[in-house]
Each structure stands twice: as structure tokens, then as C-alpha cells.
Amino acid sequence: MEAILSEAKEYIERGKIHALQQLIDDLILAKQDKEYRYNFEYLWQKSYLHACITFKKNRTRDHQEILELLLHCYNMMDDVTKIALKPTLAYGKYL
């Protein structure tokens, strides 16, 4: 899981939104596999916080689009997960 997280962070730092989108799509497909389930919520939280830090450093359009992509993923989660992760959104604003 740490390898996936470091790959996501690398995509975020370089502003590679399409590669990050592909990684998220692969994780969502893997989530449907009942044999092994990645903790997508944990990966989302760490990626979102890293994207907030990176956006504050760079302020590029690519980094803004990455934040929008991650917020879209948040909005697609179920209500209980959203409630659990909601403090992350506020915390990301103050990093």
C-alpha cells in the first residue's frame, strides 16, 4: 500500500492528473475484487493532504485539477465515509 501511496504522491508533485486518474480507476476496480480490498479511504486522505501542500507551493492549473479530482472522488464516497473524512477537508485548507 505504501508503494501505491508513494506513486500517487509522485503524480501529484509532477502534476500528472491523467496518471493519477488511471491509478484511482485501477484502485476502484480493485475495490470491487472481494479477495483483497485496498484501503481507498486512507489512500485518498493521504493523497488529498499531499495535494493541498503541493498546491500551496506551486499554484498551477494542474495541481488545482488534481485537487478537483480528489474532491470528486470524495463526493462519490458513501455518506458514512464522507462524515469520517470531513475533518480532512478542513485540515487541508490550513496546511
N, C-alpha and C. Protein backbone atom coordinates (compact mmCIF):
# COMPACT_ATOMS: atom_id res chain seq x y z
N MET A 1 0.83 -1.19 0.00
CA MET A 1 0.00 0.00 0.00
C MET A 1 0.87 1.25 0.00
N GLU A 2 2.00 1.20 0.68
CA GLU A 2 2.90 2.36 0.70
C GLU A 2 3.46 2.65 -0.68
N ALA A 3 3.65 1.60 -1.48
CA ALA A 3 4.15 1.81 -2.85
C ALA A 3 3.11 2.56 -3.69
N ILE A 4 1.86 2.23 -3.50
CA ILE A 4 0.78 2.91 -4.22
C ILE A 4 0.71 4.37 -3.78
N LEU A 5 0.84 4.59 -2.48
CA LEU A 5 0.78 5.95 -1.95
C LEU A 5 1.96 6.78 -2.46
N SER A 6 3.14 6.22 -2.49
CA SER A 6 4.29 6.98 -2.99
C SER A 6 4.15 7.26 -4.49
N GLU A 7 3.56 6.33 -5.22
CA GLU A 7 3.30 6.56 -6.65
C GLU A 7 2.30 7.69 -6.84
N ALA A 8 1.25 7.70 -6.03
CA ALA A 8 0.25 8.77 -6.11
C ALA A 8 0.88 10.12 -5.76
N LYS A 9 1.71 10.15 -4.73
CA LYS A 9 2.37 11.40 -4.34
C LYS A 9 3.29 11.91 -5.44
N GLU A 10 3.96 11.00 -6.12
CA GLU A 10 4.83 11.41 -7.23
C GLU A 10 4.01 12.04 -8.36
N TYR A 11 2.87 11.44 -8.68
CA TYR A 11 2.00 12.00 -9.71
C TYR A 11 1.49 13.38 -9.30
N ILE A 12 1.18 13.53 -8.02
CA ILE A 12 0.68 14.81 -7.52
C ILE A 12 1.76 15.88 -7.64
N GLU A 13 2.98 15.55 -7.21
CA GLU A 13 4.08 16.52 -7.26
C GLU A 13 4.39 16.95 -8.69
N ARG A 14 4.30 16.03 -9.63
CA ARG A 14 4.62 16.34 -11.02
C ARG A 14 3.43 16.90 -11.80
N GLY A 15 2.25 16.91 -11.17
CA GLY A 15 1.08 17.44 -11.84
C GLY A 15 0.53 16.53 -12.92
N LYS A 16 0.72 15.23 -12.78
CA LYS A 16 0.26 14.27 -13.78
C LYS A 16 -1.14 13.80 -13.44
N ILE A 17 -2.11 14.58 -13.84
CA ILE A 17 -3.50 14.28 -13.49
C ILE A 17 -4.02 13.02 -14.16
N HIS A 18 -3.62 12.78 -15.41
CA HIS A 18 -4.12 11.61 -16.12
C HIS A 18 -3.57 10.31 -15.52
N ALA A 19 -2.32 10.33 -15.12
CA ALA A 19 -1.74 9.15 -14.48
C ALA A 19 -2.39 8.90 -13.12
N LEU A 20 -2.68 9.97 -12.39
CA LEU A 20 -3.36 9.83 -11.11
C LEU A 20 -4.78 9.32 -11.30
N GLN A 21 -5.46 9.82 -12.32
CA GLN A 21 -6.81 9.34 -12.62
C GLN A 21 -6.80 7.85 -12.94
N GLN A 22 -5.81 7.41 -13.70
CA GLN A 22 -5.70 5.99 -14.05
C GLN A 22 -5.44 5.15 -12.80
N LEU A 23 -4.59 5.64 -11.91
CA LEU A 23 -4.31 4.93 -10.66
C LEU A 23 -5.57 4.81 -9.82
N ILE A 24 -6.34 5.89 -9.72
CA ILE A 24 -7.60 5.86 -8.96
C ILE A 24 -8.59 4.89 -9.59
N ASP A 25 -8.70 4.91 -10.91
CA ASP A 25 -9.60 3.97 -11.59
C ASP A 25 -9.19 2.53 -11.31
N ASP A 26 -7.89 2.25 -11.35
CA ASP A 26 -7.41 0.90 -11.05
C ASP A 26 -7.74 0.49 -9.62
N LEU A 27 -7.62 1.42 -8.68
CA LEU A 27 -7.94 1.13 -7.29
C LEU A 27 -9.43 0.89 -7.10
N ILE A 28 -10.25 1.64 -7.81
CA ILE A 28 -11.70 1.44 -7.71
C ILE A 28 -12.08 0.08 -8.28
N LEU A 29 -11.45 -0.31 -9.38
CA LEU A 29 -11.72 -1.64 -9.93
C LEU A 29 -11.23 -2.74 -8.99
N ALA A 30 -10.08 -2.51 -8.36
CA ALA A 30 -9.57 -3.49 -7.41
C ALA A 30 -10.45 -3.55 -6.17
N LYS A 31 -11.13 -2.45 -5.85
CA LYS A 31 -12.02 -2.40 -4.69
C LYS A 31 -13.20 -3.35 -4.89
N GLN A 32 -13.58 -3.57 -6.14
CA GLN A 32 -14.68 -4.47 -6.43
C GLN A 32 -14.28 -5.93 -6.28
N ASP A 33 -12.98 -6.20 -6.33
CA ASP A 33 -12.49 -7.55 -6.14
C ASP A 33 -12.61 -7.89 -4.66
N LYS A 34 -13.32 -8.93 -4.34
CA LYS A 34 -13.60 -9.26 -2.94
C LYS A 34 -12.45 -9.99 -2.26
N GLU A 35 -11.48 -10.46 -3.03
CA GLU A 35 -10.37 -11.20 -2.45
C GLU A 35 -9.46 -10.30 -1.62
N TYR A 36 -9.16 -9.12 -2.13
CA TYR A 36 -8.32 -8.17 -1.40
C TYR A 36 -8.84 -6.77 -1.64
N ARG A 37 -8.99 -6.00 -0.58
CA ARG A 37 -9.52 -4.64 -0.70
C ARG A 37 -8.48 -3.65 -0.21
N TYR A 38 -8.09 -2.73 -1.08
CA TYR A 38 -7.21 -1.64 -0.66
C TYR A 38 -7.99 -0.68 0.22
N ASN A 39 -7.32 -0.07 1.15
CA ASN A 39 -7.97 0.93 1.99
C ASN A 39 -7.97 2.25 1.21
N PHE A 40 -8.95 2.38 0.33
CA PHE A 40 -9.02 3.53 -0.57
C PHE A 40 -9.17 4.83 0.21
N GLU A 41 -9.89 4.78 1.31
CA GLU A 41 -10.12 5.98 2.11
C GLU A 41 -8.81 6.52 2.69
N TYR A 42 -7.96 5.61 3.17
CA TYR A 42 -6.65 6.00 3.69
C TYR A 42 -5.80 6.61 2.58
N LEU A 43 -5.79 5.97 1.42
CA LEU A 43 -5.02 6.48 0.29
C LEU A 43 -5.55 7.84 -0.16
N TRP A 44 -6.88 8.00 -0.16
CA TRP A 44 -7.46 9.28 -0.54
C TRP A 44 -7.03 10.37 0.45
N GLN A 45 -7.12 10.07 1.74
CA GLN A 45 -6.79 11.07 2.77
C GLN A 45 -5.34 11.54 2.63
N LYS A 46 -4.42 10.61 2.53
CA LYS A 46 -3.01 10.98 2.43
C LYS A 46 -2.72 11.71 1.12
N SER A 47 -3.34 11.28 0.03
CA SER A 47 -3.14 11.94 -1.26
C SER A 47 -3.73 13.35 -1.25
N TYR A 48 -4.89 13.51 -0.64
CA TYR A 48 -5.53 14.82 -0.58
C TYR A 48 -4.68 15.81 0.22
N LEU A 49 -4.19 15.39 1.37
CA LEU A 49 -3.36 16.29 2.18
C LEU A 49 -2.07 16.64 1.45
N HIS A 50 -1.48 15.66 0.76
CA HIS A 50 -0.26 15.94 0.00
C HIS A 50 -0.56 16.90 -1.16
N ALA A 51 -1.72 16.74 -1.79
CA ALA A 51 -2.10 17.63 -2.88
C ALA A 51 -2.32 19.06 -2.37
N CYS A 52 -2.87 19.20 -1.18
CA CYS A 52 -3.06 20.54 -0.60
C CYS A 52 -1.72 21.23 -0.37
N ILE A 53 -0.77 20.49 0.18
CA ILE A 53 0.56 21.05 0.43
C ILE A 53 1.23 21.42 -0.88
N THR A 54 1.14 20.53 -1.86
CA THR A 54 1.78 20.77 -3.16
C THR A 54 1.14 21.95 -3.87
N PHE A 55 -0.18 22.08 -3.78
CA PHE A 55 -0.87 23.20 -4.42
C PHE A 55 -0.46 24.53 -3.81
N LYS A 56 -0.28 24.55 -2.50
CA LYS A 56 0.13 25.81 -1.86
C LYS A 56 1.54 26.22 -2.26
N LYS A 57 2.38 25.24 -2.59
CA LYS A 57 3.75 25.55 -3.04
C LYS A 57 3.76 26.02 -4.49
N ASN A 58 2.98 25.37 -5.35
CA ASN A 58 3.10 25.59 -6.79
C ASN A 58 2.01 26.46 -7.40
N ARG A 59 0.78 26.29 -6.98
CA ARG A 59 -0.36 27.06 -7.51
C ARG A 59 -0.47 26.99 -9.03
N THR A 60 -0.35 25.80 -9.59
CA THR A 60 -0.51 25.64 -11.04
C THR A 60 -1.89 25.10 -11.34
N ARG A 61 -2.28 25.19 -12.58
CA ARG A 61 -3.59 24.69 -13.02
C ARG A 61 -3.66 23.17 -12.85
N ASP A 62 -2.57 22.47 -13.13
CA ASP A 62 -2.55 21.01 -13.00
C ASP A 62 -2.81 20.59 -11.56
N HIS A 63 -2.20 21.29 -10.62
CA HIS A 63 -2.39 20.94 -9.21
C HIS A 63 -3.81 21.27 -8.74
N GLN A 64 -4.39 22.32 -9.29
CA GLN A 64 -5.77 22.65 -8.97
C GLN A 64 -6.71 21.55 -9.50
N GLU A 65 -6.43 21.06 -10.70
CA GLU A 65 -7.24 20.00 -11.28
C GLU A 65 -7.12 18.71 -10.48
N ILE A 66 -5.94 18.46 -9.93
CA ILE A 66 -5.75 17.27 -9.08
C ILE A 66 -6.60 17.39 -7.83
N LEU A 67 -6.63 18.56 -7.23
CA LEU A 67 -7.48 18.76 -6.06
C LEU A 67 -8.96 18.57 -6.42
N GLU A 68 -9.36 19.07 -7.58
CA GLU A 68 -10.74 18.89 -8.01
C GLU A 68 -11.06 17.42 -8.24
N LEU A 69 -10.11 16.67 -8.79
CA LEU A 69 -10.29 15.23 -9.00
C LEU A 69 -10.47 14.52 -7.66
N LEU A 70 -9.64 14.85 -6.69
CA LEU A 70 -9.74 14.22 -5.38
C LEU A 70 -11.03 14.61 -4.67
N LEU A 71 -11.49 15.84 -4.85
CA LEU A 71 -12.78 16.24 -4.27
C LEU A 71 -13.94 15.51 -4.95
N HIS A 72 -13.81 15.25 -6.24
CA HIS A 72 -14.82 14.48 -6.94
C HIS A 72 -14.87 13.05 -6.38
N CYS A 73 -13.71 12.48 -6.12
CA CYS A 73 -13.66 11.14 -5.51
C CYS A 73 -14.32 11.15 -4.14
N TYR A 74 -14.09 12.21 -3.38
CA TYR A 74 -14.73 12.35 -2.06
C TYR A 74 -16.24 12.37 -2.21
N ASN A 75 -16.74 13.12 -3.16
CA ASN A 75 -18.18 13.22 -3.36
C ASN A 75 -18.81 11.91 -3.82
N MET A 76 -18.02 11.01 -4.37
CA MET A 76 -18.54 9.71 -4.82
C MET A 76 -18.57 8.68 -3.69
N MET A 77 -18.00 8.99 -2.55
CA MET A 77 -17.97 8.04 -1.43
C MET A 77 -19.34 7.99 -0.74
N ASP A 78 -19.55 6.93 0.03
CA ASP A 78 -20.82 6.82 0.74
C ASP A 78 -20.86 7.82 1.90
N ASP A 79 -22.05 8.06 2.42
CA ASP A 79 -22.26 9.11 3.42
C ASP A 79 -21.47 8.89 4.70
N VAL A 80 -21.38 7.67 5.17
CA VAL A 80 -20.65 7.39 6.41
C VAL A 80 -19.17 7.70 6.25
N THR A 81 -18.61 7.32 5.11
CA THR A 81 -17.20 7.60 4.84
C THR A 81 -16.96 9.10 4.72
N LYS A 82 -17.89 9.80 4.08
CA LYS A 82 -17.77 11.26 3.96
C LYS A 82 -17.74 11.92 5.34
N ILE A 83 -18.59 11.45 6.23
CA ILE A 83 -18.62 12.02 7.58
C ILE A 83 -17.29 11.77 8.29
N ALA A 84 -16.74 10.59 8.11
CA ALA A 84 -15.47 10.26 8.74
C ALA A 84 -14.31 11.08 8.19
N LEU A 85 -14.35 11.38 6.90
CA LEU A 85 -13.25 12.10 6.25
C LEU A 85 -13.45 13.62 6.19
N LYS A 86 -14.59 14.11 6.61
CA LYS A 86 -14.87 15.54 6.51
C LYS A 86 -13.84 16.42 7.22
N PRO A 87 -13.34 16.04 8.41
CA PRO A 87 -12.30 16.89 9.03
C PRO A 87 -11.04 17.04 8.18
N THR A 88 -10.78 16.07 7.31
CA THR A 88 -9.61 16.15 6.43
C THR A 88 -9.73 17.33 5.48
N LEU A 89 -10.95 17.60 5.01
CA LEU A 89 -11.15 18.73 4.10
C LEU A 89 -10.79 20.05 4.77
N ALA A 90 -11.25 20.21 6.00
CA ALA A 90 -10.93 21.45 6.74
C ALA A 90 -9.45 21.53 7.06
N TYR A 91 -8.86 20.41 7.44
CA TYR A 91 -7.44 20.40 7.78
C TYR A 91 -6.58 20.74 6.56
N GLY A 92 -6.99 20.28 5.39
CA GLY A 92 -6.25 20.57 4.17
C GLY A 92 -6.18 22.04 3.85
N LYS A 93 -7.19 22.79 4.24
CA LYS A 93 -7.20 24.24 3.99
C LYS A 93 -6.13 24.96 4.80
N TYR A 94 -5.76 24.40 5.95
CA TYR A 94 -4.84 25.10 6.86
C TYR A 94 -3.41 24.57 6.81
N LEU A 95 -3.14 23.64 5.91
CA LEU A 95 -1.76 23.13 5.80
C LEU A 95 -0.87 24.14 5.12
